C-alpha atoms as a PDB file:
ATOM      1  CA  UNK A   1      54.571 -12.083 -31.071  1.00  0.00           C
ATOM      2  CA  UNK A   2      54.025 -12.240 -34.823  1.00  0.00           C
ATOM      3  CA  UNK A   3      50.761 -10.353 -34.464  1.00  0.00           C
ATOM      4  CA  UNK A   4      52.488  -7.588 -32.482  1.00  0.00           C
ATOM      5  CA  UNK A   5      55.232  -7.251 -35.103  1.00  0.00           C
ATOM      6  CA  UNK A   6      52.630  -7.106 -37.852  1.00  0.00           C
ATOM      7  CA  UNK A   7      50.794  -4.331 -36.006  1.00  0.00           C
ATOM      8  CA  UNK A   8      53.991  -2.322 -35.688  1.00  0.00           C
ATOM      9  CA  UNK A   9      54.757  -2.899 -39.370  1.00  0.00           C
ATOM     10  CA  UNK A  10      51.301  -1.612 -40.293  1.00  0.00           C
ATOM     11  CA  UNK A  11      51.868   1.498 -38.164  1.00  0.00           C
ATOM     12  CA  UNK A  12      55.290   2.097 -39.779  1.00  0.00           C
ATOM     13  CA  UNK A  13      53.899   1.831 -43.316  1.00  0.00           C
ATOM     14  CA  UNK A  14      50.979   4.052 -42.368  1.00  0.00           C
ATOM     15  CA  UNK A  15      53.363   6.586 -40.805  1.00  0.00           C
ATOM     16  CA  UNK A  16      55.547   6.701 -43.921  1.00  0.00           C
ATOM     17  CA  UNK A  17      52.486   7.251 -46.105  1.00  0.00           C
ATOM     18  CA  UNK A  18      51.112  10.016 -43.879  1.00  0.00           C
ATOM     19  CA  UNK A  19      54.574  11.572 -43.733  1.00  0.00           C
ATOM     20  CA  UNK A  20      54.611  11.726 -47.520  1.00  0.00           C
ATOM     21  CA  UNK A  21      51.232  13.466 -47.488  1.00  0.00           C
ATOM     22  CA  UNK A  22      52.436  15.891 -44.811  1.00  0.00           C
ATOM     23  CA  UNK A  23      55.373  16.852 -47.029  1.00  0.00           C
ATOM     24  CA  UNK A  24      52.893  17.885 -49.702  1.00  0.00           C
ATOM     25  CA  UNK A  25      50.873  19.901 -47.182  1.00  0.00           C
ATOM     26  CA  UNK A  26      54.017  21.629 -45.882  1.00  0.00           C
ATOM     27  CA  UNK A  27      55.247  22.588 -49.343  1.00  0.00           C
ATOM     28  CA  UNK A  28      51.828  23.720 -50.573  1.00  0.00           C
ATOM     29  CA  UNK A  29      50.426  25.127 -47.340  1.00  0.00           C
ATOM     30  CA  UNK A  30      50.236  28.664 -48.739  1.00  0.00           C
ATOM     31  CA  UNK A  31      48.083  27.403 -51.620  1.00  0.00           C
ATOM     32  CA  UNK A  32      46.379  24.234 -50.378  1.00  0.00           C
ATOM     33  CA  UNK A  33      44.100  23.866 -53.385  1.00  0.00           C
ATOM     34  CA  UNK A  34      47.136  22.800 -55.448  1.00  0.00           C
ATOM     35  CA  UNK A  35      47.208  19.579 -53.416  1.00  0.00           C
ATOM     36  CA  UNK A  36      44.191  18.480 -55.440  1.00  0.00           C
ATOM     37  CA  UNK A  37      44.816  20.339 -58.703  1.00  0.00           C
ATOM     38  CA  UNK A  38      48.567  19.917 -59.308  1.00  0.00           C
ATOM     39  CA  UNK A  39      50.223  16.521 -59.655  1.00  0.00           C
ATOM     40  CA  UNK A  40      53.479  15.735 -57.869  1.00  0.00           C
ATOM     41  CA  UNK A  41      56.458  17.027 -59.805  1.00  0.00           C
ATOM     42  CA  UNK A  42      60.135  17.842 -59.423  1.00  0.00           C
ATOM     43  CA  UNK A  43      60.436  21.408 -58.079  1.00  0.00           C
ATOM     44  CA  UNK A  44      63.589  21.900 -60.182  1.00  0.00           C
ATOM     45  CA  UNK A  45      62.684  20.627 -63.665  1.00  0.00           C
ATOM     46  CA  UNK A  46      58.866  20.542 -63.171  1.00  0.00           C
ATOM     47  CA  UNK A  47      58.611  17.016 -64.638  1.00  0.00           C
ATOM     48  CA  UNK A  48      55.651  15.018 -63.325  1.00  0.00           C
ATOM     49  CA  UNK A  49      56.789  12.120 -61.177  1.00  0.00           C
ATOM     50  CA  UNK A  50      55.680   8.537 -61.878  1.00  0.00           C
ATOM     51  CA  UNK A  51      54.114   6.553 -59.032  1.00  0.00           C
ATOM     52  CA  UNK A  52      57.260   4.514 -58.448  1.00  0.00           C
ATOM     53  CA  UNK A  53      59.176   7.698 -57.644  1.00  0.00           C
ATOM     54  CA  UNK A  54      56.618   8.588 -54.964  1.00  0.00           C
ATOM     55  CA  UNK A  55      56.988   5.581 -52.674  1.00  0.00           C
ATOM     56  CA  UNK A  56      57.716   7.094 -49.241  1.00  0.00           C
ATOM     57  CA  UNK A  57      61.384   6.871 -48.197  1.00  0.00           C
ATOM     58  CA  UNK A  58      62.244   3.957 -50.478  1.00  0.00           C
ATOM     59  CA  UNK A  59      62.043   6.012 -53.692  1.00  0.00           C
ATOM     60  CA  UNK A  60      64.445   8.528 -52.145  1.00  0.00           C
ATOM     61  CA  UNK A  61      66.923   5.711 -51.455  1.00  0.00           C
ATOM     62  CA  UNK A  62      66.437   4.077 -54.856  1.00  0.00           C
ATOM     63  CA  UNK A  63      66.987   7.380 -56.650  1.00  0.00           C
ATOM     64  CA  UNK A  64      70.040   8.135 -54.499  1.00  0.00           C
ATOM     65  CA  UNK A  65      68.449  11.427 -53.469  1.00  0.00           C
ATOM     66  CA  UNK A  66      68.403  12.778 -57.046  1.00  0.00           C
ATOM     67  CA  UNK A  67      65.626  13.510 -59.520  1.00  0.00           C
ATOM     68  CA  UNK A  68      65.308  10.808 -62.183  1.00  0.00           C
ATOM     69  CA  UNK A  69      64.933  13.421 -64.928  1.00  0.00           C
ATOM     70  CA  UNK A  70      67.235  16.340 -64.150  1.00  0.00           C
ATOM     71  CA  UNK A  71      69.620  14.774 -61.656  1.00  0.00           C
ATOM     72  CA  UNK A  72      69.208  17.653 -59.190  1.00  0.00           C
ATOM     73  CA  UNK A  73      69.292  16.782 -55.459  1.00  0.00           C
ATOM     74  CA  UNK A  74      66.038  15.903 -53.720  1.00  0.00           C
ATOM     75  CA  UNK A  75      65.563  17.693 -50.418  1.00  0.00           C
ATOM     76  CA  UNK A  76      66.278  15.592 -47.332  1.00  0.00           C
ATOM     77  CA  UNK A  77      63.107  17.067 -45.896  1.00  0.00           C
ATOM     78  CA  UNK A  78      61.126  14.344 -47.673  1.00  0.00           C
ATOM     79  CA  UNK A  79      62.650  11.248 -46.042  1.00  0.00           C
ATOM     80  CA  UNK A  80      63.152  12.997 -42.694  1.00  0.00           C
ATOM     81  CA  UNK A  81      59.473  13.921 -42.403  1.00  0.00           C
ATOM     82  CA  UNK A  82      58.382  10.461 -43.582  1.00  0.00           C
ATOM     83  CA  UNK A  83      60.643   8.568 -41.192  1.00  0.00           C
ATOM     84  CA  UNK A  84      59.918  11.040 -38.398  1.00  0.00           C
ATOM     85  CA  UNK A  85      56.173  10.515 -38.795  1.00  0.00           C
ATOM     86  CA  UNK A  86      56.645   6.727 -38.800  1.00  0.00           C
ATOM     87  CA  UNK A  87      58.730   6.821 -35.599  1.00  0.00           C
ATOM     88  CA  UNK A  88      56.287   9.117 -33.826  1.00  0.00           C
ATOM     89  CA  UNK A  89      53.338   6.947 -34.834  1.00  0.00           C
ATOM     90  CA  UNK A  90      55.164   3.847 -33.584  1.00  0.00           C
ATOM     91  CA  UNK A  91      55.816   5.587 -30.270  1.00  0.00           C
ATOM     92  CA  UNK A  92      52.145   6.538 -29.958  1.00  0.00           C
ATOM     93  CA  UNK A  93      51.080   2.973 -30.759  1.00  0.00           C
ATOM     94  CA  UNK A  94      53.533   1.637 -28.174  1.00  0.00           C
ATOM     95  CA  UNK A  95      51.995   3.940 -25.565  1.00  0.00           C
ATOM     96  CA  UNK A  96      48.293   3.809 -26.432  1.00  0.00           C
ATOM     97  CA  UNK A  97      47.787   0.741 -28.647  1.00  0.00           C
ATOM     98  CA  UNK A  98      44.909   0.727 -31.121  1.00  0.00           C
ATOM     99  CA  UNK A  99      42.514   3.019 -29.262  1.00  0.00           C
ATOM    100  CA  UNK A 100      40.554   6.230 -29.660  1.00  0.00           C
ATOM    101  CA  UNK A 101      43.220   8.011 -27.631  1.00  0.00           C
ATOM    102  CA  UNK A 102      45.846   6.741 -30.090  1.00  0.00           C
ATOM    103  CA  UNK A 103      43.810   8.156 -32.989  1.00  0.00           C
ATOM    104  CA  UNK A 104      43.491  11.568 -31.311  1.00  0.00           C
ATOM    105  CA  UNK A 105      47.199  11.862 -30.550  1.00  0.00           C
ATOM    106  CA  UNK A 106      48.036  10.585 -34.027  1.00  0.00           C
ATOM    107  CA  UNK A 107      45.898  13.215 -35.773  1.00  0.00           C
ATOM    108  CA  UNK A 108      47.234  16.055 -33.626  1.00  0.00           C
ATOM    109  CA  UNK A 109      50.818  14.793 -34.025  1.00  0.00           C
ATOM    110  CA  UNK A 110      50.385  14.883 -37.811  1.00  0.00           C
ATOM    111  CA  UNK A 111      49.276  18.515 -37.493  1.00  0.00           C
ATOM    112  CA  UNK A 112      52.237  19.252 -35.211  1.00  0.00           C
ATOM    113  CA  UNK A 113      54.683  17.806 -37.756  1.00  0.00           C
ATOM    114  CA  UNK A 114      53.422  20.350 -40.296  1.00  0.00           C
ATOM    115  CA  UNK A 115      53.755  23.163 -37.734  1.00  0.00           C
ATOM    116  CA  UNK A 116      57.237  21.899 -36.774  1.00  0.00           C
ATOM    117  CA  UNK A 117      58.651  21.900 -40.308  1.00  0.00           C
ATOM    118  CA  UNK A 118      56.768  24.982 -41.508  1.00  0.00           C
ATOM    119  CA  UNK A 119      58.190  27.012 -38.631  1.00  0.00           C
ATOM    120  CA  UNK A 120      61.716  25.878 -39.487  1.00  0.00           C
ATOM    121  CA  UNK A 121      61.248  26.808 -43.145  1.00  0.00           C
ATOM    122  CA  UNK A 122      59.434  30.113 -42.677  1.00  0.00           C
ATOM    123  CA  UNK A 123      59.945  31.069 -39.015  1.00  0.00           C
ATOM    124  CA  UNK A 124      56.183  31.352 -38.717  1.00  0.00           C
ATOM    125  CA  UNK A 125      53.668  29.287 -36.775  1.00  0.00           C
ATOM    126  CA  UNK A 126      50.634  28.219 -38.794  1.00  0.00           C
ATOM    127  CA  UNK A 127      48.101  29.512 -36.252  1.00  0.00           C
ATOM    128  CA  UNK A 128      45.107  27.983 -38.027  1.00  0.00           C
ATOM    129  CA  UNK A 129      46.598  24.515 -37.505  1.00  0.00           C
ATOM    130  CA  UNK A 130      47.171  25.185 -33.806  1.00  0.00           C
ATOM    131  CA  UNK A 131      43.528  26.204 -33.364  1.00  0.00           C
ATOM    132  CA  UNK A 132      42.325  23.153 -35.279  1.00  0.00           C
ATOM    133  CA  UNK A 133      44.418  20.937 -33.001  1.00  0.00           C
ATOM    134  CA  UNK A 134      43.082  22.749 -29.922  1.00  0.00           C
ATOM    135  CA  UNK A 135      39.548  22.131 -31.142  1.00  0.00           C
ATOM    136  CA  UNK A 136      40.238  18.421 -31.657  1.00  0.00           C
ATOM    137  CA  UNK A 137      41.764  18.168 -28.176  1.00  0.00           C
ATOM    138  CA  UNK A 138      38.818  19.965 -26.558  1.00  0.00           C
ATOM    139  CA  UNK A 139      36.358  17.592 -28.250  1.00  0.00           C
ATOM    140  CA  UNK A 140      38.421  14.597 -27.134  1.00  0.00           C
ATOM    141  CA  UNK A 141      38.460  15.827 -23.512  1.00  0.00           C
ATOM    142  CA  UNK A 142      34.694  16.168 -23.519  1.00  0.00           C
ATOM    143  CA  UNK A 143      34.248  12.689 -25.011  1.00  0.00           C
ATOM    144  CA  UNK A 144      36.694  11.245 -22.503  1.00  0.00           C
ATOM    145  CA  UNK A 145      34.963  12.971 -19.582  1.00  0.00           C
ATOM    146  CA  UNK A 146      31.348  12.268 -20.468  1.00  0.00           C
ATOM    147  CA  UNK A 147      31.599   8.863 -22.167  1.00  0.00           C
ATOM    148  CA  UNK A 148      34.774   7.098 -20.999  1.00  0.00           C
ATOM    149  CA  UNK A 149      36.559   7.951 -17.740  1.00  0.00           C
ATOM    150  CA  UNK A 150      34.069  10.471 -16.333  1.00  0.00           C
ATOM    151  CA  UNK A 151      36.835  11.890 -14.151  1.00  0.00           C
ATOM    152  CA  UNK A 152      36.993  15.599 -13.416  1.00  0.00           C
ATOM    153  CA  UNK A 153      40.728  15.305 -12.696  1.00  0.00           C
ATOM    154  CA  UNK A 154      41.375  14.658 -16.395  1.00  0.00           C
ATOM    155  CA  UNK A 155      39.812  17.981 -17.342  1.00  0.00           C
ATOM    156  CA  UNK A 156      41.519  19.849 -14.517  1.00  0.00           C
ATOM    157  CA  UNK A 157      44.984  18.371 -15.104  1.00  0.00           C
ATOM    158  CA  UNK A 158      44.749  19.183 -18.798  1.00  0.00           C
ATOM    159  CA  UNK A 159      43.722  22.747 -17.935  1.00  0.00           C
ATOM    160  CA  UNK A 160      46.519  23.087 -15.375  1.00  0.00           C
ATOM    161  CA  UNK A 161      49.033  21.774 -17.908  1.00  0.00           C
ATOM    162  CA  UNK A 162      47.856  24.302 -20.482  1.00  0.00           C
ATOM    163  CA  UNK A 163      48.093  27.159 -17.975  1.00  0.00           C
ATOM    164  CA  UNK A 164      51.582  26.159 -16.852  1.00  0.00           C
ATOM    165  CA  UNK A 165      53.143  25.844 -20.292  1.00  0.00           C
ATOM    166  CA  UNK A 166      51.080  28.399 -22.191  1.00  0.00           C
ATOM    167  CA  UNK A 167      50.951  30.808 -19.278  1.00  0.00           C
ATOM    168  CA  UNK A 168      54.725  30.822 -18.807  1.00  0.00           C
ATOM    169  CA  UNK A 169      55.286  31.480 -22.512  1.00  0.00           C
ATOM    170  CA  UNK A 170      52.683  34.264 -22.408  1.00  0.00           C
ATOM    171  CA  UNK A 171      54.587  35.850 -19.526  1.00  0.00           C
ATOM    172  CA  UNK A 172      57.828  35.757 -21.539  1.00  0.00           C
ATOM    173  CA  UNK A 173      56.120  37.273 -24.575  1.00  0.00           C
ATOM    174  CA  UNK A 174      54.616  40.113 -22.520  1.00  0.00           C
ATOM    175  CA  UNK A 175      57.789  40.853 -20.532  1.00  0.00           C
ATOM    176  CA  UNK A 176      60.032  40.821 -23.614  1.00  0.00           C
ATOM    177  CA  UNK A 177      57.477  42.484 -25.889  1.00  0.00           C
ATOM    178  CA  UNK A 178      57.889  39.558 -28.295  1.00  0.00           C
ATOM    179  CA  UNK A 179      61.668  39.907 -28.456  1.00  0.00           C
ATOM    180  CA  UNK A 180      62.309  36.503 -26.899  1.00  0.00           C
ATOM    181  CA  UNK A 181      59.531  34.630 -28.703  1.00  0.00           C
ATOM    182  CA  UNK A 182      56.424  35.319 -30.729  1.00  0.00           C
ATOM    183  CA  UNK A 183      52.796  35.420 -29.652  1.00  0.00           C
ATOM    184  CA  UNK A 184      52.115  32.325 -31.770  1.00  0.00           C
ATOM    185  CA  UNK A 185      54.072  30.251 -29.276  1.00  0.00           C
ATOM    186  CA  UNK A 186      51.461  30.994 -26.595  1.00  0.00           C
ATOM    187  CA  UNK A 187      48.557  29.115 -28.184  1.00  0.00           C
ATOM    188  CA  UNK A 188      50.908  26.281 -29.121  1.00  0.00           C
ATOM    189  CA  UNK A 189      52.095  26.159 -25.517  1.00  0.00           C
ATOM    190  CA  UNK A 190      48.507  25.900 -24.273  1.00  0.00           C
ATOM    191  CA  UNK A 191      47.885  22.997 -26.655  1.00  0.00           C
ATOM    192  CA  UNK A 192      51.021  21.067 -25.734  1.00  0.00           C
ATOM    193  CA  UNK A 193      50.583  21.640 -21.998  1.00  0.00           C
ATOM    194  CA  UNK A 194      47.009  20.393 -22.211  1.00  0.00           C
ATOM    195  CA  UNK A 195      48.092  17.271 -24.094  1.00  0.00           C
ATOM    196  CA  UNK A 196      50.717  16.173 -21.569  1.00  0.00           C
ATOM    197  CA  UNK A 197      48.640  17.204 -18.523  1.00  0.00           C
ATOM    198  CA  UNK A 198      49.828  18.435 -15.139  1.00  0.00           C
ATOM    199  CA  UNK A 199      52.403  17.814 -13.710  1.00  0.00           C
ATOM    200  CA  UNK A 200      54.228  16.579 -16.835  1.00  0.00           C
ATOM    201  CA  UNK A 201      53.702  19.978 -18.452  1.00  0.00           C
ATOM    202  CA  UNK A 202      56.528  21.126 -16.169  1.00  0.00           C
ATOM    203  CA  UNK A 203      58.778  18.503 -17.731  1.00  0.00           C
ATOM    204  CA  UNK A 204      57.779  19.585 -21.245  1.00  0.00           C
ATOM    205  CA  UNK A 205      58.459  23.239 -20.422  1.00  0.00           C
ATOM    206  CA  UNK A 206      61.867  22.428 -18.966  1.00  0.00           C
ATOM    207  CA  UNK A 207      62.788  20.174 -21.891  1.00  0.00           C
ATOM    208  CA  UNK A 208      61.813  22.755 -24.511  1.00  0.00           C
ATOM    209  CA  UNK A 209      64.325  25.243 -23.146  1.00  0.00           C
ATOM    210  CA  UNK A 210      67.026  22.593 -22.680  1.00  0.00           C
ATOM    211  CA  UNK A 211      66.616  21.352 -26.254  1.00  0.00           C
ATOM    212  CA  UNK A 212      66.460  24.920 -27.539  1.00  0.00           C
ATOM    213  CA  UNK A 213      69.648  25.877 -25.706  1.00  0.00           C
ATOM    214  CA  UNK A 214      71.557  22.834 -26.965  1.00  0.00           C
ATOM    215  CA  UNK A 215      70.476  23.258 -30.601  1.00  0.00           C
ATOM    216  CA  UNK A 216      71.130  27.011 -30.514  1.00  0.00           C
ATOM    217  CA  UNK A 217      74.607  26.448 -29.105  1.00  0.00           C
ATOM    218  CA  UNK A 218      75.391  23.880 -31.804  1.00  0.00           C
ATOM    219  CA  UNK A 219      74.212  26.273 -34.530  1.00  0.00           C
ATOM    220  CA  UNK A 220      76.358  29.056 -33.059  1.00  0.00           C
ATOM    221  CA  UNK A 221      79.436  26.828 -32.857  1.00  0.00           C
ATOM    222  CA  UNK A 222      78.909  25.683 -36.457  1.00  0.00           C
ATOM    223  CA  UNK A 223      78.385  29.341 -37.442  1.00  0.00           C
ATOM    224  CA  UNK A 224      75.012  28.527 -38.973  1.00  0.00           C
ATOM    225  CA  UNK A 225      73.476  31.229 -36.782  1.00  0.00           C
ATOM    226  CA  UNK A 226      74.678  34.329 -34.962  1.00  0.00           C
ATOM    227  CA  UNK A 227      73.536  35.863 -31.691  1.00  0.00           C
ATOM    228  CA  UNK A 228      71.405  38.308 -33.697  1.00  0.00           C
ATOM    229  CA  UNK A 229      69.543  35.626 -35.638  1.00  0.00           C
ATOM    230  CA  UNK A 230      66.113  34.425 -34.619  1.00  0.00           C
ATOM    231  CA  UNK A 231      65.641  30.707 -34.062  1.00  0.00           C
ATOM    232  CA  UNK A 232      62.093  29.280 -34.213  1.00  0.00           C
ATOM    233  CA  UNK A 233      60.982  27.950 -30.839  1.00  0.00           C
ATOM    234  CA  UNK A 234      57.981  25.882 -31.939  1.00  0.00           C
ATOM    235  CA  UNK A 235      60.108  22.866 -32.981  1.00  0.00           C
ATOM    236  CA  UNK A 236      61.633  22.714 -29.489  1.00  0.00           C
ATOM    237  CA  UNK A 237      58.198  22.872 -27.885  1.00  0.00           C
ATOM    238  CA  UNK A 238      56.830  20.136 -30.131  1.00  0.00           C
ATOM    239  CA  UNK A 239      59.886  17.910 -29.645  1.00  0.00           C
ATOM    240  CA  UNK A 240      59.478  18.283 -25.880  1.00  0.00           C
ATOM    241  CA  UNK A 241      55.853  17.162 -26.206  1.00  0.00           C
ATOM    242  CA  UNK A 242      56.779  13.849 -27.816  1.00  0.00           C
ATOM    243  CA  UNK A 243      59.632  13.211 -25.385  1.00  0.00           C
ATOM    244  CA  UNK A 244      57.326  13.966 -22.452  1.00  0.00           C
ATOM    245  CA  UNK A 245      54.564  11.751 -23.829  1.00  0.00           C
ATOM    246  CA  UNK A 246      56.882   8.761 -24.119  1.00  0.00           C
ATOM    247  CA  UNK A 247      59.197   9.238 -21.141  1.00  0.00           C
ATOM    248  CA  UNK A 248      57.666  12.051 -19.080  1.00  0.00           C
ATOM    249  CA  UNK A 249      56.813   9.914 -16.060  1.00  0.00           C
ATOM    250  CA  UNK A 250      60.362   8.606 -15.726  1.00  0.00           C
ATOM    251  CA  UNK A 251      61.858  12.053 -16.238  1.00  0.00           C
ATOM    252  CA  UNK A 252      59.515  13.549 -13.651  1.00  0.00           C
ATOM    253  CA  UNK A 253      60.323  10.876 -11.073  1.00  0.00           C
ATOM    254  CA  UNK A 254      64.050  11.077 -11.780  1.00  0.00           C
ATOM    255  CA  UNK A 255      64.477  14.833 -11.648  1.00  0.00           C
ATOM    256  CA  UNK A 256      61.506  16.925 -10.581  1.00  0.00           C
ATOM    257  CA  UNK A 257      60.301  14.244  -8.187  1.00  0.00           C
ATOM    258  CA  UNK A 258      63.276  15.055  -5.959  1.00  0.00           C
ATOM    259  CA  UNK A 259      61.936  18.525  -5.279  1.00  0.00           C
ATOM    260  CA  UNK A 260      58.144  18.235  -5.453  1.00  0.00           C
END
């Protein structure tokens, strides 16, 4: 029991630390070399931050969400990404334990967090990150097939999942001439469908539109968006991936299992 709690604690701390790093990548994605050449500083007053102001999540709480030097508010993006990464990593550990599969999903999930937040901030999918994640997934499938499970069904179900989710999004893009969603969503859809496999890709596809509809309605009611505004779809797709990974089997049995 104590060993299990310690393992979860290690994963939480690791997730917070990676989340902090991902914040840096998100903010400096358009000029990645500054990650190594420019020290962490307040974006408002430009003061360099001491190490004790860079402790993931806890520094934000200790500083009461304000810069030590200028007193300007610190963006809630920082703790949200850090805590979000920690929770996702805990969920992956709960599902896969310490395994190679856990490492693969963890690395790709870290990439997806950057895509998730970057799309919210800029309404643009970082295509290079999607292709990197696709490459990692393809390598993992080959390793899994040739060295571990040696089951053709794994390859086929991943391919079917990619075709279902990515193919449906491609159809929407073509039919709407990119008015409903952008072409960048297609490659992301292929990646996410491949990661959850068939038939759970159907669940992920369904969930992405449900989540998107609910969030869009809330934003409209709160007058944060209008019917003419574009709302990035990548965050809904990525959120549906994590939900499907953790609870996809139960959701499939509960709902889609009635009809298939």
